[in-house]
Amino acid sequence: FENNIADAALAASLFHYGELTVDEVKKYLNDRKFMEVETPMMNMIAGGATARPFTTHHNDLNMDLFLRIAPELYLKMLVVGGYDRVYEIGKNFRNEGIDATHNPEFTSIEFYEAFSDYKEMMTHTETIIDLIRTKLLDAINSIHTKLVNMKGVSIDYEKAPPEGLHLIAIGGLALARGLTLEGLAISYALRN
């Protein structure tokens, strides 16, 4: 019975990590006057990346459509059309391999800023990851205390390398969106 309680607490915390991650990303971008948008999920042509798309059929229009691979093209059209800062957090679908670290349906963020170079975009990305890491470490320390008390689990997050901490931050979103702890552990092991 104790294991079920601890597992439920862990599962609930993973959804909370995902929520914290999305909230922190949105806050950062909104504070810098980025506009959140929603772009089409079904398209007449496959575009935005070189992955193989999933196809579906629209019955009323009697038309085959492709599920979105990436929102890139629409976001770039918005920037060219005069919206200087745009972003989208949404689902993408890639009809390719599946394993512990790759899911054909996944949530991603893409953001674009007119007149910015790659260095400025890297600064945004690094800052977002650092903010998420800080926020998640606070949340992880809280649930960690509960897990130590219930299951005797002990993890020293302070000794994790920067890549590991970034993976924890990104993993908060990934775990809440359907990846498994095993997949995250494999990703971490492959990176180190």
C-alpha atoms as a PDB file:
ATOM      1  CA  PHE A   1       0.000   0.000   0.000  1.00  0.00           C
ATOM      2  CA  GLU A   2       2.847   2.403   0.827  1.00  0.00           C
ATOM      3  CA  ASN A   3       4.328   1.925  -2.655  1.00  0.00           C
ATOM      4  CA  ASN A   4       1.009   2.894  -4.258  1.00  0.00           C
ATOM      5  CA  ILE A   5       0.873   6.093  -2.202  1.00  0.00           C
ATOM      6  CA  ALA A   6       4.459   6.981  -3.119  1.00  0.00           C
ATOM      7  CA  ASP A   7       3.853   6.171  -6.799  1.00  0.00           C
ATOM      8  CA  ALA A   8       0.702   8.311  -6.818  1.00  0.00           C
ATOM      9  CA  ALA A   9       2.610  11.161  -5.177  1.00  0.00           C
ATOM     10  CA  LEU A  10       5.354  10.863  -7.785  1.00  0.00           C
ATOM     11  CA  ALA A  11       2.867  10.773 -10.675  1.00  0.00           C
ATOM     12  CA  ALA A  12       1.050  13.836  -9.336  1.00  0.00           C
ATOM     13  CA  SER A  13       4.339  15.680  -8.949  1.00  0.00           C
ATOM     14  CA  LEU A  14       5.304  14.925 -12.550  1.00  0.00           C
ATOM     15  CA  PHE A  15       2.157  16.637 -13.835  1.00  0.00           C
ATOM     16  CA  HIS A  16       2.925  19.527 -11.507  1.00  0.00           C
ATOM     17  CA  TYR A  17       6.463  19.749 -12.975  1.00  0.00           C
ATOM     18  CA  GLY A  18       4.984  19.951 -16.460  1.00  0.00           C
ATOM     19  CA  GLU A  19       2.653  22.735 -15.384  1.00  0.00           C
ATOM     20  CA  LEU A  20       5.511  24.631 -13.715  1.00  0.00           C
ATOM     21  CA  THR A  21       7.622  24.261 -16.858  1.00  0.00           C
ATOM     22  CA  VAL A  22       4.930  25.580 -19.213  1.00  0.00           C
ATOM     23  CA  ASP A  23       4.030  28.409 -16.827  1.00  0.00           C
ATOM     24  CA  GLU A  24       7.650  29.522 -16.525  1.00  0.00           C
ATOM     25  CA  VAL A  25       8.204  29.489 -20.311  1.00  0.00           C
ATOM     26  CA  LYS A  26       5.009  31.466 -20.924  1.00  0.00           C
ATOM     27  CA  LYS A  27       5.834  33.994 -18.181  1.00  0.00           C
ATOM     28  CA  TYR A  28       9.315  34.598 -19.573  1.00  0.00           C
ATOM     29  CA  LEU A  29       8.106  35.085 -23.142  1.00  0.00           C
ATOM     30  CA  ASN A  30       4.998  37.092 -22.240  1.00  0.00           C
ATOM     31  CA  ASP A  31       7.085  39.430 -20.042  1.00  0.00           C
ATOM     32  CA  ARG A  32       9.191  40.147 -23.153  1.00  0.00           C
ATOM     33  CA  LYS A  33       6.134  40.939 -25.291  1.00  0.00           C
ATOM     34  CA  PHE A  34       6.091  37.689 -27.259  1.00  0.00           C
ATOM     35  CA  MET A  35       2.620  36.809 -28.522  1.00  0.00           C
ATOM     36  CA  GLU A  36       1.342  33.263 -28.004  1.00  0.00           C
ATOM     37  CA  VAL A  37      -0.389  31.915 -31.107  1.00  0.00           C
ATOM     38  CA  GLU A  38      -2.053  28.719 -32.269  1.00  0.00           C
ATOM     39  CA  THR A  39      -1.309  27.524 -35.776  1.00  0.00           C
ATOM     40  CA  PRO A  40      -3.098  24.826 -37.806  1.00  0.00           C
ATOM     41  CA  MET A  41      -2.608  21.188 -36.827  1.00  0.00           C
ATOM     42  CA  MET A  42      -3.830  19.797 -40.175  1.00  0.00           C
ATOM     43  CA  ASN A  43      -2.415  20.972 -43.487  1.00  0.00           C
ATOM     44  CA  MET A  44      -2.832  20.251 -47.178  1.00  0.00           C
ATOM     45  CA  ILE A  45       0.941  19.970 -47.560  1.00  0.00           C
ATOM     46  CA  ALA A  46       3.512  18.484 -45.166  1.00  0.00           C
ATOM     47  CA  GLY A  47       5.973  21.115 -44.053  1.00  0.00           C
ATOM     48  CA  GLY A  48       8.102  22.559 -41.328  1.00  0.00           C
ATOM     49  CA  ALA A  49      10.627  19.729 -41.085  1.00  0.00           C
ATOM     50  CA  THR A  50      11.862  16.740 -43.040  1.00  0.00           C
ATOM     51  CA  ALA A  51      10.139  14.079 -40.925  1.00  0.00           C
ATOM     52  CA  ARG A  52       7.468  11.792 -42.369  1.00  0.00           C
ATOM     53  CA  PRO A  53       3.987  13.103 -41.554  1.00  0.00           C
ATOM     54  CA  PHE A  54       0.916  11.303 -40.300  1.00  0.00           C
ATOM     55  CA  THR A  55      -2.047  11.561 -42.638  1.00  0.00           C
ATOM     56  CA  THR A  56      -5.730  11.843 -41.857  1.00  0.00           C
ATOM     57  CA  HIS A  57      -8.879  12.240 -43.887  1.00  0.00           C
ATOM     58  CA  HIS A  58     -11.407  15.067 -43.560  1.00  0.00           C
ATOM     59  CA  ASN A  59     -14.771  13.435 -44.323  1.00  0.00           C
ATOM     60  CA  ASP A  60     -16.824  16.558 -45.054  1.00  0.00           C
ATOM     61  CA  LEU A  61     -14.215  17.960 -47.437  1.00  0.00           C
ATOM     62  CA  ASN A  62     -13.296  14.515 -48.786  1.00  0.00           C
ATOM     63  CA  MET A  63      -9.645  15.531 -48.503  1.00  0.00           C
ATOM     64  CA  ASP A  64      -6.507  13.877 -47.168  1.00  0.00           C
ATOM     65  CA  LEU A  65      -4.564  16.122 -44.794  1.00  0.00           C
ATOM     66  CA  PHE A  66      -1.229  15.923 -42.993  1.00  0.00           C
ATOM     67  CA  LEU A  67      -0.832  16.321 -39.240  1.00  0.00           C
ATOM     68  CA  ARG A  68       1.640  19.006 -38.309  1.00  0.00           C
ATOM     69  CA  ILE A  69       5.323  18.113 -38.131  1.00  0.00           C
ATOM     70  CA  ALA A  70       6.311  21.532 -36.726  1.00  0.00           C
ATOM     71  CA  PRO A  71       4.732  25.008 -36.446  1.00  0.00           C
ATOM     72  CA  GLU A  72       7.827  26.629 -37.952  1.00  0.00           C
ATOM     73  CA  LEU A  73       6.428  27.797 -41.302  1.00  0.00           C
ATOM     74  CA  TYR A  74       3.339  29.501 -39.851  1.00  0.00           C
ATOM     75  CA  LEU A  75       5.360  31.193 -37.102  1.00  0.00           C
ATOM     76  CA  LYS A  76       7.851  32.527 -39.655  1.00  0.00           C
ATOM     77  CA  MET A  77       4.957  33.792 -41.799  1.00  0.00           C
ATOM     78  CA  LEU A  78       3.670  35.727 -38.789  1.00  0.00           C
ATOM     79  CA  VAL A  79       7.096  37.309 -38.219  1.00  0.00           C
ATOM     80  CA  VAL A  80       7.367  38.289 -41.889  1.00  0.00           C
ATOM     81  CA  GLY A  81       3.805  39.629 -41.654  1.00  0.00           C
ATOM     82  CA  GLY A  82       4.770  42.095 -38.928  1.00  0.00           C
ATOM     83  CA  TYR A  83       4.378  40.232 -35.639  1.00  0.00           C
ATOM     84  CA  ASP A  84       7.858  40.774 -34.195  1.00  0.00           C
ATOM     85  CA  ARG A  85       7.745  38.170 -31.415  1.00  0.00           C
ATOM     86  CA  VAL A  86       5.673  34.977 -31.572  1.00  0.00           C
ATOM     87  CA  TYR A  87       5.675  31.584 -29.906  1.00  0.00           C
ATOM     88  CA  GLU A  88       3.660  28.410 -29.750  1.00  0.00           C
ATOM     89  CA  ILE A  89       3.615  25.546 -27.283  1.00  0.00           C
ATOM     90  CA  GLY A  90       1.804  22.708 -28.975  1.00  0.00           C
ATOM     91  CA  LYS A  91       1.635  19.162 -30.238  1.00  0.00           C
ATOM     92  CA  ASN A  92       3.628  17.908 -33.208  1.00  0.00           C
ATOM     93  CA  PHE A  93       3.362  14.556 -34.950  1.00  0.00           C
ATOM     94  CA  ARG A  94       6.190  12.718 -36.686  1.00  0.00           C
ATOM     95  CA  ASN A  95       5.530   9.339 -38.243  1.00  0.00           C
ATOM     96  CA  GLU A  96       8.937   7.892 -37.481  1.00  0.00           C
ATOM     97  CA  GLY A  97      10.583   5.597 -34.960  1.00  0.00           C
ATOM     98  CA  ILE A  98       9.366   5.088 -31.429  1.00  0.00           C
ATOM     99  CA  ASP A  99      11.452   4.062 -28.427  1.00  0.00           C
ATOM    100  CA  ALA A 100      11.987   5.036 -24.813  1.00  0.00           C
ATOM    101  CA  THR A 101      13.249   8.503 -25.810  1.00  0.00           C
ATOM    102  CA  HIS A 102      11.186   9.254 -28.935  1.00  0.00           C
ATOM    103  CA  ASN A 103       7.417   9.599 -29.092  1.00  0.00           C
ATOM    104  CA  PRO A 104       5.699  10.264 -32.445  1.00  0.00           C
ATOM    105  CA  GLU A 105       3.342  12.699 -30.674  1.00  0.00           C
ATOM    106  CA  PHE A 106       5.110  15.307 -28.572  1.00  0.00           C
ATOM    107  CA  THR A 107       4.778  18.811 -27.192  1.00  0.00           C
ATOM    108  CA  SER A 108       7.326  21.420 -28.204  1.00  0.00           C
ATOM    109  CA  ILE A 109       7.898  25.134 -28.081  1.00  0.00           C
ATOM    110  CA  GLU A 110       9.040  27.261 -30.975  1.00  0.00           C
ATOM    111  CA  PHE A 111       9.585  30.985 -30.704  1.00  0.00           C
ATOM    112  CA  TYR A 112      10.795  33.601 -33.151  1.00  0.00           C
ATOM    113  CA  GLU A 113      11.895  37.204 -32.721  1.00  0.00           C
ATOM    114  CA  ALA A 114      12.374  39.566 -35.652  1.00  0.00           C
ATOM    115  CA  PHE A 115      15.778  41.232 -35.957  1.00  0.00           C
ATOM    116  CA  SER A 116      17.414  38.819 -33.469  1.00  0.00           C
ATOM    117  CA  ASP A 117      20.440  36.739 -34.294  1.00  0.00           C
ATOM    118  CA  TYR A 118      21.250  33.242 -33.091  1.00  0.00           C
ATOM    119  CA  LYS A 119      23.174  34.605 -30.070  1.00  0.00           C
ATOM    120  CA  GLU A 120      20.108  36.437 -28.790  1.00  0.00           C
ATOM    121  CA  MET A 121      17.955  33.349 -29.338  1.00  0.00           C
ATOM    122  CA  MET A 122      20.525  31.230 -27.469  1.00  0.00           C
ATOM    123  CA  THR A 123      20.418  33.710 -24.585  1.00  0.00           C
ATOM    124  CA  HIS A 124      16.620  33.434 -24.436  1.00  0.00           C
ATOM    125  CA  THR A 125      16.839  29.624 -24.478  1.00  0.00           C
ATOM    126  CA  GLU A 126      19.545  29.428 -21.801  1.00  0.00           C
ATOM    127  CA  THR A 127      17.659  31.856 -19.570  1.00  0.00           C
ATOM    128  CA  ILE A 128      14.421  29.898 -19.929  1.00  0.00           C
ATOM    129  CA  ILE A 129      16.169  26.635 -19.057  1.00  0.00           C
ATOM    130  CA  ASP A 130      17.852  28.209 -16.035  1.00  0.00           C
ATOM    131  CA  LEU A 131      14.533  29.636 -14.784  1.00  0.00           C
ATOM    132  CA  ILE A 132      12.832  26.273 -15.211  1.00  0.00           C
ATOM    133  CA  ARG A 133      15.683  24.466 -13.476  1.00  0.00           C
ATOM    134  CA  THR A 134      15.465  26.770 -10.470  1.00  0.00           C
ATOM    135  CA  LYS A 135      11.685  26.439 -10.247  1.00  0.00           C
ATOM    136  CA  LEU A 136      11.770  22.660 -10.649  1.00  0.00           C
ATOM    137  CA  LEU A 137      14.558  22.113  -8.135  1.00  0.00           C
ATOM    138  CA  ASP A 138      12.358  23.762  -5.504  1.00  0.00           C
ATOM    139  CA  ALA A 139       9.455  21.488  -6.468  1.00  0.00           C
ATOM    140  CA  ILE A 140      11.699  18.409  -6.708  1.00  0.00           C
ATOM    141  CA  ASN A 141      13.175  19.043  -3.268  1.00  0.00           C
ATOM    142  CA  SER A 142       9.648  19.135  -1.873  1.00  0.00           C
ATOM    143  CA  ILE A 143       8.539  15.830  -3.430  1.00  0.00           C
ATOM    144  CA  HIS A 144      11.973  14.308  -2.746  1.00  0.00           C
ATOM    145  CA  THR A 145      11.444  14.809   0.978  1.00  0.00           C
ATOM    146  CA  LYS A 146       8.112  12.978   0.714  1.00  0.00           C
ATOM    147  CA  LEU A 147       9.659  10.105  -1.281  1.00  0.00           C
ATOM    148  CA  VAL A 148      12.533   9.665   1.164  1.00  0.00           C
ATOM    149  CA  ASN A 149       9.984   9.380   3.954  1.00  0.00           C
ATOM    150  CA  MET A 150       7.747   6.925   2.038  1.00  0.00           C
ATOM    151  CA  LYS A 151      10.117   4.801  -0.057  1.00  0.00           C
ATOM    152  CA  GLY A 152      13.625   5.551   1.150  1.00  0.00           C
ATOM    153  CA  VAL A 153      14.512   7.037  -2.256  1.00  0.00           C
ATOM    154  CA  SER A 154      17.478   9.404  -2.110  1.00  0.00           C
ATOM    155  CA  ILE A 155      18.856  11.423  -5.035  1.00  0.00           C
ATOM    156  CA  ASP A 156      21.449  14.180  -4.715  1.00  0.00           C
ATOM    157  CA  TYR A 157      20.310  16.747  -7.309  1.00  0.00           C
ATOM    158  CA  GLU A 158      22.984  19.219  -6.308  1.00  0.00           C
ATOM    159  CA  LYS A 159      25.708  16.911  -7.691  1.00  0.00           C
ATOM    160  CA  ALA A 160      24.009  16.468 -11.082  1.00  0.00           C
ATOM    161  CA  PRO A 161      25.975  17.997 -13.977  1.00  0.00           C
ATOM    162  CA  PRO A 162      24.421  21.000 -15.778  1.00  0.00           C
ATOM    163  CA  GLU A 163      23.151  18.729 -18.569  1.00  0.00           C
ATOM    164  CA  GLY A 164      21.387  16.632 -15.965  1.00  0.00           C
ATOM    165  CA  LEU A 165      19.752  19.680 -14.454  1.00  0.00           C
ATOM    166  CA  HIS A 166      18.631  20.862 -17.872  1.00  0.00           C
ATOM    167  CA  LEU A 167      17.284  17.399 -18.546  1.00  0.00           C
ATOM    168  CA  ILE A 168      15.325  17.551 -15.292  1.00  0.00           C
ATOM    169  CA  ALA A 169      13.847  20.880 -16.395  1.00  0.00           C
ATOM    170  CA  ILE A 170      12.989  19.662 -19.855  1.00  0.00           C
ATOM    171  CA  GLY A 171      11.929  16.330 -18.380  1.00  0.00           C
ATOM    172  CA  GLY A 172       9.278  18.057 -16.283  1.00  0.00           C
ATOM    173  CA  LEU A 173       7.454  18.931 -19.461  1.00  0.00           C
ATOM    174  CA  ALA A 174       8.268  15.636 -21.157  1.00  0.00           C
ATOM    175  CA  LEU A 175       7.133  13.548 -18.201  1.00  0.00           C
ATOM    176  CA  ALA A 176       3.873  15.410 -17.863  1.00  0.00           C
ATOM    177  CA  ARG A 177       3.274  14.978 -21.582  1.00  0.00           C
ATOM    178  CA  GLY A 178       3.754  11.216 -21.723  1.00  0.00           C
ATOM    179  CA  LEU A 179       7.416  10.188 -21.585  1.00  0.00           C
ATOM    180  CA  THR A 180       8.358   7.673 -18.929  1.00  0.00           C
ATOM    181  CA  LEU A 181      10.912   7.891 -16.168  1.00  0.00           C
ATOM    182  CA  GLU A 182      12.767   5.048 -17.890  1.00  0.00           C
ATOM    183  CA  GLY A 183      12.928   7.080 -21.117  1.00  0.00           C
ATOM    184  CA  LEU A 184      14.241  10.072 -19.224  1.00  0.00           C
ATOM    185  CA  ALA A 185      16.845   7.945 -17.447  1.00  0.00           C
ATOM    186  CA  ILE A 186      17.991   6.466 -20.755  1.00  0.00           C
ATOM    187  CA  SER A 187      18.234   9.968 -22.256  1.00  0.00           C
ATOM    188  CA  TYR A 188      20.299  11.090 -19.279  1.00  0.00           C
ATOM    189  CA  ALA A 189      22.589   8.054 -19.502  1.00  0.00           C
ATOM    190  CA  LEU A 190      23.162   8.586 -23.235  1.00  0.00           C
ATOM    191  CA  ARG A 191      24.101  12.225 -22.692  1.00  0.00           C
ATOM    192  CA  ASN A 192      26.711  11.485 -20.004  1.00  0.00           C
END
